[in-house]
Amino acid sequence: MERHELEDLRRQRAALGQPYLEFLRTGAMSAGLYVLPVGAHDGQAPHHEDEVYIVLRGNGRFTAGNETVDALPGDTLYVSAGIAHRFHDITEELVLAVVFAPPES
């Protein structure tokens, strides 16, 4: 078992100066913390893995393929491998738990 506290992960990510911190990797999946500030440009490219986002804090919008939805605390967003997606119109810092299956390559 592993246990990760959100505030510890936020500090580790901030110390790296990167928006994404991977904190878990197994043969079947990987998980990370992704933080986007107000007005950020989310420059993601489609991934080779299925992906789940869980919105922990903040708000903005999320587009995957031709569909756009609000991204609000408590939301879970799923994106199939290969689908273009991004967060945008971020009005409050977005703090997201991210799970890739298989592990992000």
N, C-alpha and C. Protein backbone atom coordinates (compact mmCIF):
# COMPACT_ATOMS: atom_id res chain seq x y z
N MET A 1 0.84 -1.18 0.00
CA MET A 1 0.00 0.00 0.00
C MET A 1 0.88 1.24 0.00
N GLU A 2 0.39 2.27 -0.67
CA GLU A 2 1.02 3.58 -0.63
C GLU A 2 -0.04 4.60 -0.27
N ARG A 3 0.37 5.62 0.46
CA ARG A 3 -0.53 6.72 0.81
C ARG A 3 0.17 8.03 0.47
N HIS A 4 -0.54 8.91 -0.22
CA HIS A 4 0.03 10.19 -0.62
C HIS A 4 -0.91 11.30 -0.18
N GLU A 5 -0.38 12.30 0.52
CA GLU A 5 -1.18 13.43 0.99
C GLU A 5 -1.12 14.54 -0.05
N LEU A 6 -2.27 15.12 -0.35
CA LEU A 6 -2.37 16.14 -1.39
C LEU A 6 -1.40 17.30 -1.15
N GLU A 7 -1.34 17.82 0.05
CA GLU A 7 -0.46 18.98 0.29
C GLU A 7 1.01 18.62 0.12
N ASP A 8 1.41 17.41 0.48
CA ASP A 8 2.79 16.98 0.24
C ASP A 8 3.08 16.91 -1.26
N LEU A 9 2.13 16.37 -2.02
CA LEU A 9 2.30 16.28 -3.47
C LEU A 9 2.37 17.68 -4.09
N ARG A 10 1.54 18.59 -3.60
CA ARG A 10 1.56 19.96 -4.12
C ARG A 10 2.93 20.62 -3.88
N ARG A 11 3.50 20.39 -2.70
CA ARG A 11 4.82 20.96 -2.40
C ARG A 11 5.90 20.35 -3.30
N GLN A 12 5.86 19.04 -3.47
CA GLN A 12 6.84 18.37 -4.33
C GLN A 12 6.76 18.88 -5.77
N ARG A 13 5.54 19.01 -6.27
CA ARG A 13 5.34 19.49 -7.64
C ARG A 13 5.84 20.92 -7.79
N ALA A 14 5.50 21.77 -6.83
CA ALA A 14 5.93 23.17 -6.89
C ALA A 14 7.46 23.27 -6.84
N ALA A 15 8.11 22.43 -6.05
CA ALA A 15 9.57 22.45 -5.94
C ALA A 15 10.23 22.10 -7.27
N LEU A 16 9.57 21.26 -8.06
CA LEU A 16 10.09 20.90 -9.38
C LEU A 16 9.86 22.00 -10.42
N GLY A 17 8.89 22.87 -10.15
CA GLY A 17 8.57 23.93 -11.09
C GLY A 17 7.86 23.44 -12.34
N GLN A 18 7.22 22.28 -12.24
CA GLN A 18 6.52 21.69 -13.37
C GLN A 18 5.03 21.57 -13.04
N PRO A 19 4.15 21.58 -14.05
CA PRO A 19 2.72 21.45 -13.77
C PRO A 19 2.32 20.02 -13.36
N TYR A 20 3.15 19.02 -13.72
CA TYR A 20 2.77 17.62 -13.48
C TYR A 20 3.82 16.91 -12.64
N LEU A 21 3.35 16.16 -11.65
CA LEU A 21 4.21 15.33 -10.80
C LEU A 21 3.66 13.92 -10.80
N GLU A 22 4.40 12.97 -11.36
CA GLU A 22 4.00 11.57 -11.23
C GLU A 22 4.40 11.10 -9.85
N PHE A 23 3.45 10.47 -9.14
CA PHE A 23 3.76 9.99 -7.79
C PHE A 23 3.54 8.49 -7.62
N LEU A 24 3.04 7.82 -8.66
CA LEU A 24 2.80 6.38 -8.56
C LEU A 24 2.97 5.76 -9.93
N ARG A 25 3.67 4.60 -9.97
CA ARG A 25 3.84 3.86 -11.21
C ARG A 25 3.88 2.38 -10.89
N THR A 26 3.02 1.62 -11.57
CA THR A 26 3.04 0.17 -11.49
C THR A 26 3.05 -0.37 -12.92
N GLY A 27 3.04 -1.67 -13.08
CA GLY A 27 3.01 -2.25 -14.41
C GLY A 27 1.71 -1.99 -15.14
N ALA A 28 0.64 -1.69 -14.41
CA ALA A 28 -0.68 -1.52 -15.01
C ALA A 28 -1.13 -0.08 -15.16
N MET A 29 -0.54 0.85 -14.37
CA MET A 29 -1.04 2.23 -14.36
C MET A 29 0.01 3.18 -13.80
N SER A 30 -0.24 4.48 -13.99
CA SER A 30 0.54 5.50 -13.32
C SER A 30 -0.42 6.59 -12.88
N ALA A 31 0.00 7.35 -11.87
CA ALA A 31 -0.86 8.43 -11.35
C ALA A 31 0.00 9.65 -11.06
N GLY A 32 -0.63 10.81 -11.18
CA GLY A 32 0.09 12.04 -10.93
C GLY A 32 -0.83 13.16 -10.48
N LEU A 33 -0.20 14.27 -10.14
CA LEU A 33 -0.90 15.48 -9.76
C LEU A 33 -0.60 16.52 -10.84
N TYR A 34 -1.65 17.13 -11.39
CA TYR A 34 -1.52 18.12 -12.46
C TYR A 34 -2.17 19.40 -11.96
N VAL A 35 -1.43 20.51 -11.99
CA VAL A 35 -1.93 21.79 -11.50
C VAL A 35 -1.79 22.83 -12.61
N LEU A 36 -2.91 23.50 -12.89
CA LEU A 36 -2.93 24.55 -13.91
C LEU A 36 -3.44 25.84 -13.28
N PRO A 37 -2.64 26.92 -13.34
CA PRO A 37 -3.07 28.19 -12.75
C PRO A 37 -4.14 28.88 -13.60
N VAL A 38 -4.74 29.89 -13.03
CA VAL A 38 -5.74 30.70 -13.74
C VAL A 38 -5.14 31.17 -15.07
N GLY A 39 -5.91 30.99 -16.14
CA GLY A 39 -5.49 31.45 -17.46
C GLY A 39 -4.43 30.62 -18.14
N ALA A 40 -4.04 29.48 -17.56
CA ALA A 40 -2.96 28.66 -18.12
C ALA A 40 -3.32 28.12 -19.50
N HIS A 41 -2.28 27.86 -20.29
CA HIS A 41 -2.41 27.17 -21.57
C HIS A 41 -2.06 25.70 -21.33
N ASP A 42 -3.00 24.83 -21.54
CA ASP A 42 -2.79 23.39 -21.39
C ASP A 42 -2.37 22.84 -22.74
N GLY A 43 -1.09 22.63 -22.92
CA GLY A 43 -0.54 22.24 -24.21
C GLY A 43 -0.41 20.74 -24.41
N GLN A 44 -1.29 19.97 -23.83
CA GLN A 44 -1.21 18.51 -23.96
C GLN A 44 -1.37 18.05 -25.40
N ALA A 45 -0.72 16.95 -25.70
CA ALA A 45 -0.95 16.22 -26.95
C ALA A 45 -1.68 14.93 -26.58
N PRO A 46 -2.39 14.32 -27.53
CA PRO A 46 -3.06 13.06 -27.20
C PRO A 46 -2.06 12.03 -26.66
N HIS A 47 -2.53 11.23 -25.72
CA HIS A 47 -1.69 10.21 -25.10
C HIS A 47 -1.95 8.84 -25.73
N HIS A 48 -1.02 7.93 -25.51
CA HIS A 48 -1.18 6.56 -25.99
C HIS A 48 -1.94 5.70 -24.98
N GLU A 49 -2.32 6.30 -23.85
CA GLU A 49 -2.96 5.57 -22.76
C GLU A 49 -4.35 6.16 -22.50
N ASP A 50 -5.25 5.35 -21.96
CA ASP A 50 -6.51 5.87 -21.42
C ASP A 50 -6.16 6.74 -20.22
N GLU A 51 -7.02 7.73 -19.94
CA GLU A 51 -6.68 8.68 -18.88
C GLU A 51 -7.95 9.08 -18.12
N VAL A 52 -7.80 9.19 -16.81
CA VAL A 52 -8.87 9.68 -15.94
C VAL A 52 -8.35 10.88 -15.17
N TYR A 53 -9.13 11.95 -15.17
CA TYR A 53 -8.85 13.14 -14.36
C TYR A 53 -9.90 13.22 -13.27
N ILE A 54 -9.47 13.53 -12.06
CA ILE A 54 -10.39 13.83 -10.96
C ILE A 54 -10.09 15.25 -10.52
N VAL A 55 -11.09 16.11 -10.63
CA VAL A 55 -10.91 17.52 -10.27
C VAL A 55 -11.00 17.63 -8.74
N LEU A 56 -9.88 17.98 -8.13
CA LEU A 56 -9.82 18.11 -6.67
C LEU A 56 -10.19 19.51 -6.21
N ARG A 57 -9.71 20.52 -6.97
CA ARG A 57 -9.97 21.92 -6.64
C ARG A 57 -10.01 22.73 -7.92
N GLY A 58 -10.66 23.90 -7.84
CA GLY A 58 -10.64 24.85 -8.94
C GLY A 58 -11.79 24.66 -9.91
N ASN A 59 -11.72 25.44 -11.00
CA ASN A 59 -12.72 25.28 -12.05
C ASN A 59 -12.21 25.84 -13.36
N GLY A 60 -12.77 25.31 -14.41
CA GLY A 60 -12.43 25.69 -15.77
C GLY A 60 -13.31 24.89 -16.71
N ARG A 61 -12.83 24.73 -17.92
CA ARG A 61 -13.55 23.97 -18.95
C ARG A 61 -12.60 22.89 -19.46
N PHE A 62 -13.19 21.82 -20.02
CA PHE A 62 -12.41 20.70 -20.54
C PHE A 62 -13.01 20.29 -21.87
N THR A 63 -12.15 20.18 -22.87
CA THR A 63 -12.58 19.73 -24.19
C THR A 63 -11.85 18.45 -24.53
N ALA A 64 -12.61 17.44 -24.97
CA ALA A 64 -12.07 16.17 -25.46
C ALA A 64 -12.79 15.87 -26.76
N GLY A 65 -12.03 15.77 -27.84
CA GLY A 65 -12.65 15.60 -29.14
C GLY A 65 -13.52 16.80 -29.44
N ASN A 66 -14.80 16.57 -29.74
CA ASN A 66 -15.73 17.65 -30.07
C ASN A 66 -16.63 18.03 -28.90
N GLU A 67 -16.34 17.52 -27.71
CA GLU A 67 -17.21 17.75 -26.55
C GLU A 67 -16.51 18.63 -25.53
N THR A 68 -17.24 19.63 -25.00
CA THR A 68 -16.71 20.53 -23.98
C THR A 68 -17.64 20.51 -22.77
N VAL A 69 -17.04 20.42 -21.57
CA VAL A 69 -17.81 20.40 -20.33
C VAL A 69 -17.11 21.28 -19.30
N ASP A 70 -17.86 21.65 -18.25
CA ASP A 70 -17.24 22.31 -17.11
C ASP A 70 -16.36 21.31 -16.38
N ALA A 71 -15.29 21.79 -15.77
CA ALA A 71 -14.41 20.98 -14.92
C ALA A 71 -14.50 21.57 -13.52
N LEU A 72 -15.23 20.89 -12.64
CA LEU A 72 -15.53 21.41 -11.31
C LEU A 72 -15.11 20.41 -10.24
N PRO A 73 -14.84 20.86 -9.01
CA PRO A 73 -14.43 19.94 -7.94
C PRO A 73 -15.40 18.76 -7.80
N GLY A 74 -14.83 17.58 -7.73
CA GLY A 74 -15.62 16.36 -7.62
C GLY A 74 -15.88 15.68 -8.94
N ASP A 75 -15.65 16.36 -10.07
CA ASP A 75 -15.87 15.76 -11.38
C ASP A 75 -14.80 14.74 -11.70
N THR A 76 -15.20 13.69 -12.41
CA THR A 76 -14.29 12.70 -12.96
C THR A 76 -14.44 12.74 -14.47
N LEU A 77 -13.33 12.91 -15.17
CA LEU A 77 -13.33 13.03 -16.62
C LEU A 77 -12.49 11.90 -17.21
N TYR A 78 -13.05 11.18 -18.17
CA TYR A 78 -12.35 10.07 -18.82
C TYR A 78 -12.07 10.41 -20.27
N VAL A 79 -10.85 10.09 -20.72
CA VAL A 79 -10.46 10.30 -22.12
C VAL A 79 -9.81 9.03 -22.64
N SER A 80 -10.33 8.53 -23.75
CA SER A 80 -9.73 7.35 -24.39
C SER A 80 -8.38 7.71 -25.00
N ALA A 81 -7.51 6.73 -25.08
CA ALA A 81 -6.21 6.91 -25.71
C ALA A 81 -6.38 7.50 -27.11
N GLY A 82 -5.51 8.44 -27.46
CA GLY A 82 -5.49 8.99 -28.80
C GLY A 82 -6.42 10.16 -29.05
N ILE A 83 -7.29 10.51 -28.10
CA ILE A 83 -8.24 11.60 -28.28
C ILE A 83 -7.58 12.92 -27.85
N ALA A 84 -7.66 13.93 -28.71
CA ALA A 84 -7.13 15.26 -28.36
C ALA A 84 -7.97 15.84 -27.23
N HIS A 85 -7.31 16.43 -26.23
CA HIS A 85 -8.03 17.00 -25.09
C HIS A 85 -7.19 18.09 -24.43
N ARG A 86 -7.90 18.99 -23.71
CA ARG A 86 -7.19 20.06 -23.01
C ARG A 86 -8.14 20.75 -22.04
N PHE A 87 -7.54 21.36 -21.02
CA PHE A 87 -8.27 22.24 -20.10
C PHE A 87 -8.10 23.67 -20.60
N HIS A 88 -9.12 24.49 -20.39
CA HIS A 88 -9.06 25.88 -20.84
C HIS A 88 -10.05 26.71 -20.03
N ASP A 89 -10.05 28.02 -20.26
CA ASP A 89 -10.94 28.93 -19.54
C ASP A 89 -10.88 28.69 -18.03
N ILE A 90 -9.67 28.57 -17.52
CA ILE A 90 -9.44 28.27 -16.10
C ILE A 90 -9.61 29.56 -15.30
N THR A 91 -10.62 29.57 -14.43
CA THR A 91 -10.92 30.77 -13.65
C THR A 91 -10.50 30.64 -12.19
N GLU A 92 -10.16 29.43 -11.77
CA GLU A 92 -9.62 29.17 -10.43
C GLU A 92 -8.63 28.02 -10.58
N GLU A 93 -7.45 28.14 -9.98
CA GLU A 93 -6.41 27.12 -10.14
C GLU A 93 -7.01 25.71 -10.12
N LEU A 94 -6.72 24.94 -11.17
CA LEU A 94 -7.19 23.55 -11.24
C LEU A 94 -6.15 22.63 -10.63
N VAL A 95 -6.59 21.80 -9.71
CA VAL A 95 -5.75 20.78 -9.10
C VAL A 95 -6.41 19.46 -9.44
N LEU A 96 -5.67 18.62 -10.18
CA LEU A 96 -6.24 17.40 -10.77
C LEU A 96 -5.41 16.18 -10.38
N ALA A 97 -6.07 15.12 -9.98
CA ALA A 97 -5.44 13.81 -9.89
C ALA A 97 -5.60 13.18 -11.26
N VAL A 98 -4.53 12.55 -11.77
CA VAL A 98 -4.54 11.98 -13.10
C VAL A 98 -4.10 10.52 -13.01
N VAL A 99 -4.85 9.65 -13.68
CA VAL A 99 -4.49 8.23 -13.72
C VAL A 99 -4.40 7.80 -15.18
N PHE A 100 -3.28 7.18 -15.53
CA PHE A 100 -3.08 6.63 -16.87
C PHE A 100 -3.07 5.11 -16.80
N ALA A 101 -3.70 4.46 -17.78
CA ALA A 101 -3.65 3.01 -17.86
C ALA A 101 -3.53 2.63 -19.34
N PRO A 102 -2.51 1.89 -19.71
CA PRO A 102 -1.34 1.51 -18.92
C PRO A 102 -0.54 2.76 -18.50
N PRO A 103 0.61 2.57 -17.82
CA PRO A 103 1.37 3.73 -17.35
C PRO A 103 1.72 4.68 -18.49
N GLU A 104 1.75 5.97 -18.18
CA GLU A 104 2.10 6.97 -19.20
C GLU A 104 3.48 6.68 -19.75
N SER A 105 3.59 6.76 -21.07
CA SER A 105 4.88 6.51 -21.71
C SER A 105 5.56 7.80 -22.11
